[in-house]
Protein backbone atom coordinates (compact mmCIF):
# COMPACT_ATOMS: atom_id res chain seq x y z
CA UNK A 1 0.00 0.00 0.00
CA UNK A 2 1.30 3.41 -0.94
CA UNK A 3 1.38 5.79 1.93
CA UNK A 4 3.45 8.54 0.33
CA UNK A 5 3.06 10.25 -3.01
CA UNK A 6 4.79 13.20 -4.64
CA UNK A 7 2.73 15.96 -6.13
CA UNK A 8 3.55 19.25 -7.70
CA UNK A 9 6.45 20.31 -9.86
CA UNK A 10 9.93 20.00 -8.44
CA UNK A 11 12.91 21.90 -9.73
CA UNK A 12 15.53 19.85 -11.53
CA UNK A 13 18.20 18.69 -9.14
CA UNK A 14 21.87 19.39 -9.64
CA UNK A 15 22.41 15.70 -10.43
CA UNK A 16 19.83 15.86 -13.20
CA UNK A 17 21.48 18.91 -14.75
CA UNK A 18 24.98 17.48 -14.52
CA UNK A 19 24.25 14.05 -15.96
CA UNK A 20 21.93 15.46 -18.61
CA UNK A 21 24.43 18.04 -19.86
CA UNK A 22 27.30 15.54 -19.78
CA UNK A 23 25.29 13.13 -21.92
CA UNK A 24 24.29 15.93 -24.29
CA UNK A 25 27.81 17.32 -24.69
CA UNK A 26 29.20 13.82 -25.26
CA UNK A 27 26.56 13.07 -27.91
CA UNK A 28 27.25 16.37 -29.65
CA UNK A 29 31.02 15.75 -29.64
CA UNK A 30 30.64 12.24 -31.09
CA UNK A 31 28.27 13.43 -33.80
CA UNK A 32 30.54 16.30 -34.79
CA UNK A 33 33.56 13.98 -34.94
CA UNK A 34 31.69 11.57 -37.22
CA UNK A 35 30.60 14.40 -39.52
CA UNK A 36 34.18 15.53 -40.17
CA UNK A 37 35.71 12.06 -40.45
CA UNK A 38 33.35 9.37 -41.76
CA UNK A 39 29.89 10.68 -42.62
CA UNK A 40 30.89 13.65 -44.72
CA UNK A 41 28.27 15.54 -46.68
CA UNK A 42 28.24 15.64 -50.51
CA UNK A 43 30.90 17.99 -51.93
CA UNK A 44 28.51 19.75 -54.30
CA UNK A 45 26.60 21.43 -51.46
CA UNK A 46 27.43 25.08 -50.64
CA UNK A 47 29.62 25.46 -47.59
CA UNK A 48 27.04 27.56 -45.77
CA UNK A 49 24.51 24.74 -46.22
CA UNK A 50 27.04 22.18 -44.96
CA UNK A 51 27.75 24.38 -41.94
CA UNK A 52 24.03 24.72 -41.20
CA UNK A 53 23.55 20.96 -41.40
CA UNK A 54 26.51 20.46 -39.06
CA UNK A 55 24.99 22.83 -36.51
CA UNK A 56 21.53 21.25 -36.73
CA UNK A 57 22.83 17.71 -36.39
CA UNK A 58 25.11 18.59 -33.47
CA UNK A 59 22.34 20.45 -31.62
CA UNK A 60 19.92 17.62 -32.36
CA UNK A 61 22.38 15.03 -31.07
CA UNK A 62 22.81 17.11 -27.92
CA UNK A 63 19.05 17.19 -27.35
CA UNK A 64 18.77 13.43 -27.92
CA UNK A 65 21.62 12.81 -25.48
CA UNK A 66 19.95 14.91 -22.80
CA UNK A 67 16.60 13.18 -23.26
CA UNK A 68 18.23 9.74 -23.36
CA UNK A 69 20.02 10.42 -20.07
CA UNK A 70 16.76 11.61 -18.54
CA UNK A 71 14.97 8.46 -19.65
CA UNK A 72 17.68 6.03 -18.60
CA UNK A 73 18.42 7.53 -15.18
CA UNK A 74 14.86 8.82 -14.58
CA UNK A 75 15.97 12.43 -14.32
CA UNK A 76 14.01 15.62 -14.70
CA UNK A 77 15.64 17.28 -17.73
CA UNK A 78 12.77 19.43 -18.91
CA UNK A 79 14.11 22.53 -20.64
CA UNK A 80 17.74 21.49 -20.20
CA UNK A 81 18.34 20.83 -23.90
CA UNK A 82 16.96 24.26 -24.77
CA UNK A 83 19.19 26.03 -22.24
CA UNK A 84 22.39 24.25 -23.24
CA UNK A 85 21.87 23.55 -26.96
CA UNK A 86 23.55 26.72 -28.19
CA UNK A 87 26.67 25.94 -26.17
CA UNK A 88 26.85 22.46 -27.72
CA UNK A 89 26.72 24.08 -31.17
CA UNK A 90 30.21 25.50 -30.60
CA UNK A 91 31.58 21.96 -30.77
CA UNK A 92 30.87 21.86 -34.52
CA UNK A 93 33.50 24.44 -35.60
CA UNK A 94 35.94 23.08 -33.04
CA UNK A 95 35.74 19.61 -34.63
CA UNK A 96 36.29 21.01 -38.12
CA UNK A 97 39.35 22.99 -37.00
CA UNK A 98 40.78 19.90 -35.27
CA UNK A 99 40.20 17.71 -38.32
CA UNK A 100 41.96 20.25 -40.53
CA UNK A 101 44.86 20.52 -38.08
CA UNK A 102 44.36 24.28 -37.88
CA UNK A 103 46.00 26.34 -35.17
CA UNK A 104 42.67 28.10 -34.70
CA UNK A 105 41.42 24.99 -32.90
CA UNK A 106 43.34 26.09 -29.79
CA UNK A 107 41.54 29.42 -29.18
CA UNK A 108 38.27 27.82 -30.29
CA UNK A 109 38.73 25.13 -27.62
CA UNK A 110 39.31 27.83 -24.98
CA UNK A 111 36.10 29.65 -25.92
CA UNK A 112 34.09 26.41 -25.93
CA UNK A 113 35.51 25.41 -22.55
CA UNK A 114 34.49 28.76 -21.04
CA UNK A 115 30.94 28.39 -22.34
CA UNK A 116 30.62 24.84 -21.02
CA UNK A 117 31.97 25.78 -17.59
CA UNK A 118 29.59 28.73 -17.36
CA UNK A 119 26.75 26.41 -18.28
CA UNK A 120 27.64 23.85 -15.61
CA UNK A 121 28.26 26.52 -12.99
CA UNK A 122 24.96 28.27 -13.59
CA UNK A 123 22.95 25.06 -13.52
CA UNK A 124 24.69 23.74 -10.39
CA UNK A 125 24.68 26.89 -8.28
CA UNK A 126 23.42 25.04 -5.16
CA UNK A 127 26.87 23.50 -4.94
CA UNK A 128 28.43 26.87 -4.28
CA UNK A 129 29.49 27.84 -0.84
CA UNK A 130 27.85 31.22 -0.42
CA UNK A 131 29.18 31.80 3.07
CA UNK A 132 31.08 35.02 3.51
CA UNK A 133 33.68 35.99 6.05
CA UNK A 134 32.38 38.26 8.74
CA UNK A 135 34.34 39.89 11.54
CA UNK A 136 33.83 38.48 14.98
CA UNK A 137 31.36 40.20 17.27
CA UNK A 138 33.01 42.74 19.54
CA UNK A 139 36.16 42.95 17.45
CA UNK A 140 37.70 46.06 16.04
CA UNK A 141 35.80 48.00 13.42
CA UNK A 142 38.49 47.42 10.80
CA UNK A 143 39.72 43.86 10.54
CA UNK A 144 41.42 42.15 7.60
CA UNK A 145 40.14 38.73 6.51
CA UNK A 146 42.50 35.80 6.95
CA UNK A 147 44.99 35.38 4.08
CA UNK A 148 44.08 32.69 1.57
CA UNK A 149 45.87 29.38 1.83
CA UNK A 150 48.72 28.72 -0.57
CA UNK A 151 46.93 25.54 -1.57
CA UNK A 152 44.24 27.62 -3.30
CA UNK A 153 46.87 28.97 -5.69
CA UNK A 154 47.92 25.54 -6.92
CA UNK A 155 45.04 25.19 -9.43
CA UNK A 156 45.96 28.54 -10.99
CA UNK A 157 49.60 27.50 -11.20
CA UNK A 158 48.55 24.30 -12.93
CA UNK A 159 46.32 26.29 -15.29
CA UNK A 160 49.21 28.58 -16.16
CA UNK A 161 51.40 25.57 -16.96
CA UNK A 162 48.65 24.15 -19.18
CA UNK A 163 48.31 27.44 -21.07
CA UNK A 164 52.09 27.61 -21.61
CA UNK A 165 52.13 23.98 -22.76
CA UNK A 166 49.32 24.73 -25.23
CA UNK A 167 51.28 27.65 -26.68
CA UNK A 168 54.38 25.48 -27.05
CA UNK A 169 52.36 22.68 -28.65
CA UNK A 170 50.77 25.14 -31.05
CA UNK A 171 54.19 26.50 -32.03
CA UNK A 172 55.36 22.92 -32.58
CA UNK A 173 52.38 22.10 -34.79
CA UNK A 174 50.82 19.62 -32.34
CA UNK A 175 47.36 21.14 -32.58
CA UNK A 176 45.52 18.30 -30.83
CA UNK A 177 47.92 18.40 -27.88
CA UNK A 178 47.66 22.17 -27.65
CA UNK A 179 43.88 21.92 -27.74
CA UNK A 180 43.87 19.44 -24.87
CA UNK A 181 46.16 21.56 -22.70
CA UNK A 182 44.31 24.83 -23.33
CA UNK A 183 41.00 23.12 -22.56
CA UNK A 184 42.24 21.90 -19.18
CA UNK A 185 43.78 25.26 -18.29
CA UNK A 186 40.71 27.20 -19.36
CA UNK A 187 38.38 24.92 -17.41
CA UNK A 188 40.41 25.44 -14.23
CA UNK A 189 40.45 29.22 -14.56
CA UNK A 190 36.83 29.55 -15.65
CA UNK A 191 35.64 27.23 -12.88
CA UNK A 192 37.19 29.43 -10.18
CA UNK A 193 36.27 32.73 -11.83
CA UNK A 194 32.63 31.69 -12.27
CA UNK A 195 32.59 30.76 -8.61
CA UNK A 196 32.58 34.46 -7.77
CA UNK A 197 29.49 35.15 -9.85
CA UNK A 198 27.01 32.32 -10.25
CA UNK A 199 23.45 32.81 -11.32
CA UNK A 200 20.73 30.24 -11.67
CA UNK A 201 18.70 29.89 -14.80
CA UNK A 202 15.77 32.24 -14.72
CA UNK A 203 12.65 31.94 -16.87
CA UNK A 204 13.51 35.00 -18.94
CA UNK A 205 12.51 33.62 -22.31
CA UNK A 206 13.34 36.79 -24.25
CA UNK A 207 16.90 36.99 -22.94
CA UNK A 208 17.38 33.26 -23.43
CA UNK A 209 16.10 33.45 -27.01
CA UNK A 210 18.40 36.33 -27.91
CA UNK A 211 21.43 34.70 -26.32
CA UNK A 212 20.76 31.36 -27.99
CA UNK A 213 20.21 32.96 -31.38
CA UNK A 214 23.44 34.95 -31.21
CA UNK A 215 25.43 31.90 -30.13
CA UNK A 216 24.00 29.80 -32.96
CA UNK A 217 24.83 32.52 -35.49
CA UNK A 218 28.40 32.70 -34.22
CA UNK A 219 28.71 28.90 -34.33
CA UNK A 220 27.34 28.84 -37.89
CA UNK A 221 29.78 31.53 -39.03
CA UNK A 222 32.74 29.79 -37.42
CA UNK A 223 31.77 26.42 -38.89
CA UNK A 224 31.42 27.91 -42.36
CA UNK A 225 34.81 29.60 -42.02
CA UNK A 226 36.43 26.40 -40.77
CA UNK A 227 34.99 24.38 -43.66
CA UNK A 228 36.13 26.99 -46.16
CA UNK A 229 39.62 27.04 -44.67
CA UNK A 230 40.09 23.28 -44.75
CA UNK A 231 38.52 22.50 -48.14
CA UNK A 232 41.49 21.91 -50.34
CA UNK A 233 43.58 25.00 -49.67
CA UNK A 234 45.78 26.19 -46.88
CA UNK A 235 44.58 25.11 -43.47
CA UNK A 236 45.93 28.21 -41.79
CA UNK A 237 48.14 26.37 -39.35
CA UNK A 238 50.81 29.05 -39.40
CA UNK A 239 51.10 32.74 -40.00
CA UNK A 240 53.10 32.07 -43.16
CA UNK A 241 50.32 30.05 -44.78
CA UNK A 242 50.05 30.41 -48.52
CA UNK A 243 47.23 30.30 -51.00
CA UNK A 244 47.34 27.79 -53.82
CA UNK A 245 47.90 29.48 -57.16
CA UNK A 246 45.84 27.63 -59.76
CA UNK A 247 47.27 27.71 -63.27
CA UNK A 248 44.70 25.66 -65.16
CA UNK A 249 42.43 22.65 -65.24
CA UNK A 250 38.72 22.13 -65.30
CA UNK A 251 37.49 19.81 -62.61
CA UNK A 252 38.10 21.46 -59.27
CA UNK A 253 40.48 20.56 -56.50
CA UNK A 254 38.67 17.44 -55.37
CA UNK A 255 39.02 15.57 -58.66
CA UNK A 256 42.82 15.69 -58.62
CA UNK A 257 45.73 18.10 -58.33
CA UNK A 258 49.13 18.48 -59.95
CA UNK A 259 51.06 20.60 -57.46
CA UNK A 260 54.32 22.11 -58.66
CA UNK A 261 56.66 23.65 -56.08
CA UNK A 262 57.81 27.23 -56.34
CA UNK A 263 61.50 26.46 -56.92
CA UNK A 264 63.99 29.27 -56.36
CA UNK A 265 67.28 28.48 -58.18
CA UNK A 266 70.45 28.71 -56.15
CA UNK A 267 73.61 30.43 -57.25
CA UNK A 268 75.70 27.25 -57.12
CA UNK A 269 74.69 23.58 -57.33
CA UNK A 270 74.90 21.54 -54.18
CA UNK A 271 77.17 18.93 -55.76
CA UNK A 272 78.31 17.74 -59.17
CA UNK A 273 78.19 14.21 -60.58
CA UNK A 274 81.54 12.53 -61.24
CA UNK A 275 81.95 9.63 -63.64
CA UNK A 276 83.40 6.39 -62.39
CA UNK A 277 87.06 5.67 -63.17
CA UNK A 278 86.21 2.04 -63.96
CA UNK A 279 83.57 2.96 -66.51
CA UNK A 280 84.46 6.41 -67.91
CA UNK A 281 81.45 6.41 -70.22
CA UNK A 282 79.03 4.90 -67.73
CA UNK A 283 76.39 6.52 -65.64
CA UNK A 284 77.95 5.64 -62.27
CA UNK A 285 78.98 8.09 -59.58
CA UNK A 286 81.80 8.03 -57.02
CA UNK A 287 80.76 10.95 -54.81
CA UNK A 288 77.34 11.65 -53.32
CA UNK A 289 74.99 13.20 -55.84
CA UNK A 290 72.39 15.50 -54.37
CA UNK A 291 69.36 16.33 -56.48
CA UNK A 292 67.14 19.16 -55.38
CA UNK A 293 63.51 18.21 -55.80
CA UNK A 294 61.83 20.20 -58.54
CA UNK A 295 59.27 17.63 -59.63
CA UNK A 296 55.52 17.51 -59.23
CA UNK A 297 53.20 16.25 -56.49
CA UNK A 298 50.20 14.17 -57.43
CA UNK A 299 46.97 14.20 -55.41
CA UNK A 300 44.26 11.79 -56.46
CA UNK A 301 41.79 9.27 -55.08
CA UNK A 302 41.54 5.52 -55.71
CA UNK A 303 40.78 3.62 -57.81
CA UNK A 304 42.67 6.11 -59.99
CA UNK A 305 46.42 5.58 -60.29
CA UNK A 306 47.09 9.20 -61.22
CA UNK A 307 45.19 12.49 -61.26
CA UNK A 308 42.36 12.37 -63.82
CA UNK A 309 42.30 14.55 -66.95
CA UNK A 310 40.10 17.13 -65.24
CA UNK A 311 42.65 17.65 -62.44
CA UNK A 312 43.88 21.17 -61.85
CA UNK A 313 47.45 22.43 -62.10
CA UNK A 314 48.55 24.45 -59.09
CA UNK A 315 51.70 25.91 -57.57
CA UNK A 316 52.61 25.76 -53.89
CA UNK A 317 54.16 23.54 -51.26
CA UNK A 318 52.53 20.60 -49.44
CA UNK A 319 54.49 21.77 -46.39
CA UNK A 320 52.12 24.73 -46.13
CA UNK A 321 49.06 23.33 -47.89
CA UNK A 322 46.81 20.46 -46.89
CA UNK A 323 44.30 18.74 -49.16
CA UNK A 324 41.22 17.01 -47.81
CA UNK A 325 38.98 14.42 -49.40
CA UNK A 326 35.35 15.54 -49.48
CA UNK A 327 34.05 12.13 -48.41
CA UNK A 328 35.36 8.93 -46.85
CA UNK A 329 37.45 8.09 -49.94
CA UNK A 330 41.19 8.11 -49.10
CA UNK A 331 43.44 10.66 -50.74
CA UNK A 332 46.68 9.52 -52.39
CA UNK A 333 49.83 11.64 -52.53
CA UNK A 334 52.96 11.01 -54.61
CA UNK A 335 56.04 13.08 -55.48
CA UNK A 336 57.62 12.46 -58.91
CA UNK A 337 61.17 13.52 -59.73
CA UNK A 338 62.43 13.06 -63.31
CA UNK A 339 66.20 12.80 -63.99
CA UNK A 340 68.08 14.37 -66.86
CA UNK A 341 69.74 11.06 -67.75
CA UNK A 342 69.45 7.43 -66.64
CA UNK A 343 71.46 6.32 -63.60
CA UNK A 344 72.78 2.83 -62.92
CA UNK A 345 71.33 1.65 -59.57
CA UNK A 346 74.48 -0.44 -58.93
CA UNK A 347 76.33 2.80 -58.26
CA UNK A 348 74.39 3.52 -55.08
CA UNK A 349 74.38 1.85 -51.71
CA UNK A 350 71.42 3.91 -50.53
CA UNK A 351 69.27 6.90 -51.40
CA UNK A 352 68.51 9.52 -48.79
CA UNK A 353 65.32 11.58 -49.03
CA UNK A 354 65.36 14.88 -47.15
CA UNK A 355 61.93 16.11 -46.15
CA UNK A 356 60.49 19.12 -44.41
CA UNK A 357 57.91 17.91 -41.93
CA UNK A 358 55.14 20.13 -40.57
CA UNK A 359 52.48 17.47 -40.15
CA UNK A 360 50.43 17.72 -36.96
CA UNK A 361 49.41 14.03 -36.85
CA UNK A 362 52.51 12.10 -35.73
CA UNK A 363 53.22 8.47 -36.57
CA UNK A 364 50.56 8.30 -39.29
CA UNK A 365 52.69 8.58 -42.45
CA UNK A 366 54.98 6.01 -44.09
CA UNK A 367 57.10 6.96 -47.11
CA UNK A 368 57.97 4.53 -49.92
CA UNK A 369 60.67 5.18 -52.54
CA UNK A 370 60.19 3.76 -56.04
CA UNK A 371 62.76 3.65 -58.87
CA UNK A 372 61.28 3.70 -62.38
CA UNK A 373 63.35 2.47 -65.31
CA UNK A 374 61.74 4.39 -68.18
CA UNK A 375 58.42 5.97 -69.11
CA UNK A 376 57.84 3.30 -71.77
CA UNK A 377 58.49 0.07 -69.89
CA UNK A 378 57.46 1.51 -66.50
CA UNK A 379 59.50 -1.12 -64.68
CA UNK A 380 59.30 -0.24 -61.01
CA UNK A 381 61.47 -1.29 -58.08
CA UNK A 382 60.49 -0.46 -54.52
CA UNK A 383 63.24 0.32 -52.01
CA UNK A 384 60.92 -0.25 -49.08
CA UNK A 385 59.00 1.92 -46.69
CA UNK A 386 60.27 4.17 -43.91
CA UNK A 387 57.98 5.70 -41.26
CA UNK A 388 58.12 9.44 -40.76
CA UNK A 389 59.05 10.27 -37.19
CA UNK A 390 56.71 12.40 -35.14
CA UNK A 391 57.17 16.14 -34.83
CA UNK A 392 58.87 16.87 -31.52
CA UNK A 393 57.89 19.80 -29.29
CA UNK A 394 59.48 23.17 -30.05
CA UNK A 395 60.46 22.11 -33.57
CA UNK A 396 58.66 25.08 -35.07
CA UNK A 397 60.57 27.43 -32.80
CA UNK A 398 63.77 26.26 -34.47
CA UNK A 399 62.71 25.67 -38.06
CA UNK A 400 65.78 23.67 -38.99
CA UNK A 401 64.68 20.90 -36.62
CA UNK A 402 61.70 20.28 -38.88
CA UNK A 403 64.01 18.72 -41.47
CA UNK A 404 64.35 14.94 -41.50
CA UNK A 405 66.27 12.46 -43.61
CA UNK A 406 64.81 9.10 -44.65
CA UNK A 407 67.30 6.43 -45.74
CA UNK A 408 66.48 3.72 -48.32
CA UNK A 409 68.94 0.89 -49.04
CA UNK A 410 69.55 -0.14 -52.65
CA UNK A 411 69.89 -3.93 -53.18
CA UNK A 412 73.19 -5.22 -54.56
CA UNK A 413 71.50 -6.82 -57.55
CA UNK A 414 68.51 -4.66 -58.52
CA UNK A 415 66.09 -5.93 -61.13
CA UNK A 416 66.51 -2.86 -63.33
CA UNK A 417 69.57 -1.76 -65.27
CA UNK A 418 68.92 1.97 -64.90
CA UNK A 419 66.32 4.43 -63.70
CA UNK A 420 65.40 7.92 -64.79
CA UNK A 421 62.57 8.69 -62.38
CA UNK A 422 62.15 8.49 -58.62
CA UNK A 423 58.69 8.41 -57.05
CA UNK A 424 58.04 9.08 -53.38
CA UNK A 425 54.72 7.59 -52.33
CA UNK A 426 53.04 8.59 -49.07
CA UNK A 427 51.04 5.94 -47.22
CA UNK A 428 48.64 7.39 -44.65
CA UNK A 429 47.23 5.57 -41.65
CA UNK A 430 43.54 4.77 -41.42
CA UNK A 431 43.00 7.57 -38.90
CA UNK A 432 43.98 10.27 -41.43
CA UNK A 433 43.68 8.68 -44.87
CA UNK A 434 41.33 11.45 -46.04
CA UNK A 435 43.90 14.15 -45.22
CA UNK A 436 47.18 14.71 -47.06
CA UNK A 437 50.34 15.09 -44.96
CA UNK A 438 52.05 18.46 -44.61
CA UNK A 439 55.40 17.11 -45.82
CA UNK A 440 57.53 18.45 -48.65
CA UNK A 441 60.48 16.78 -50.42
CA UNK A 442 63.64 18.89 -50.42
CA UNK A 443 66.55 16.77 -51.71
CA UNK A 444 67.32 13.27 -52.91
CA UNK A 445 70.91 12.19 -52.30
CA UNK A 446 72.50 9.18 -54.03
CA UNK A 447 75.20 7.65 -51.83
CA UNK A 448 77.83 5.66 -53.83
CA UNK A 449 78.94 2.19 -52.82
């Protein structure tokens, strides 16, 4: 027999608000990550339409997450999705910036963290200790409050270290690491600052409507800008980013690209070839021969083996420019260097490939070197694959540290008699196969036996 019953409307508890918003934010983050990685929208849609769909899906996923948490844990989450939906919309541009490896993801993460902390603080105001220090009765009229404990300064010291680490990671090109550090530091600072001024949600529908509308407009604008920045051009990761200069072609960047580097000739060559004393008329060398890369980069998508006829011709550097696939189809990247005359592979013990690495996704790229005998026979010999080492912290501060050398051994008895083309093929991991690496070829050095 029931002897107690609850009637009337009760205000949502702090547990309901916390669990509901956590579920909503998590659902919005997962949906946004899937939209920029796997379930990409068709490339023929205008970017503003894509941005609007991103915002709607992220906000919808947030609302579903809040309602699902309320149903599973039997929580009162009425109105919670409406109050926190605009904050969840900021996750959409943050995900796009992270996927593009843009440095703008770091300040965007800080802004999003502040909004989320303010949301949690305002909805959980009963947690706050509103007690104030008061002078003791009968004491002097003027009395200073007790000094704060040094322990209370430790969170701010940790936040300062996180902010400094995020700046260092951003300078080093590790955007995801910088985003994580700045998020932690911002949460610590915002959590303590909001403690001074905490207000509960009030039923002011007009103010709430205006605030939500403005936040959604800002999120839509940022998402559109992030999509525009990462759609085949420069991703804006550095201040020295460059725009791709298109010379010709008819199909658009997503059908295929021939990217030629802007080569600046040097006054003197790096080294000169020297004929072998044993074979004075041969094509062998006896000193290292360094060839500065002045070939072309290919960007295409399987099942094609090369850029299609409608591919564009552009000028720039893959070190400063990142190309993205518009759907889940992987993007292929190759660098082709033609030689002035055939070279006997028996002359070389190894070939060293010097690269300039600015990629922000470490340990996801493997480089393969191919020797091609002639354009007619197209006999190809692979010298194996070498992984590209991750970008270490502070490498951008000293630019020369961004240079790496990959070494490929030449077999003693190669299956080709000569080669007049070298192809560097980039193999991307499954986590970033729709995004080209920010790696440029600088030199190819033939080391004699």
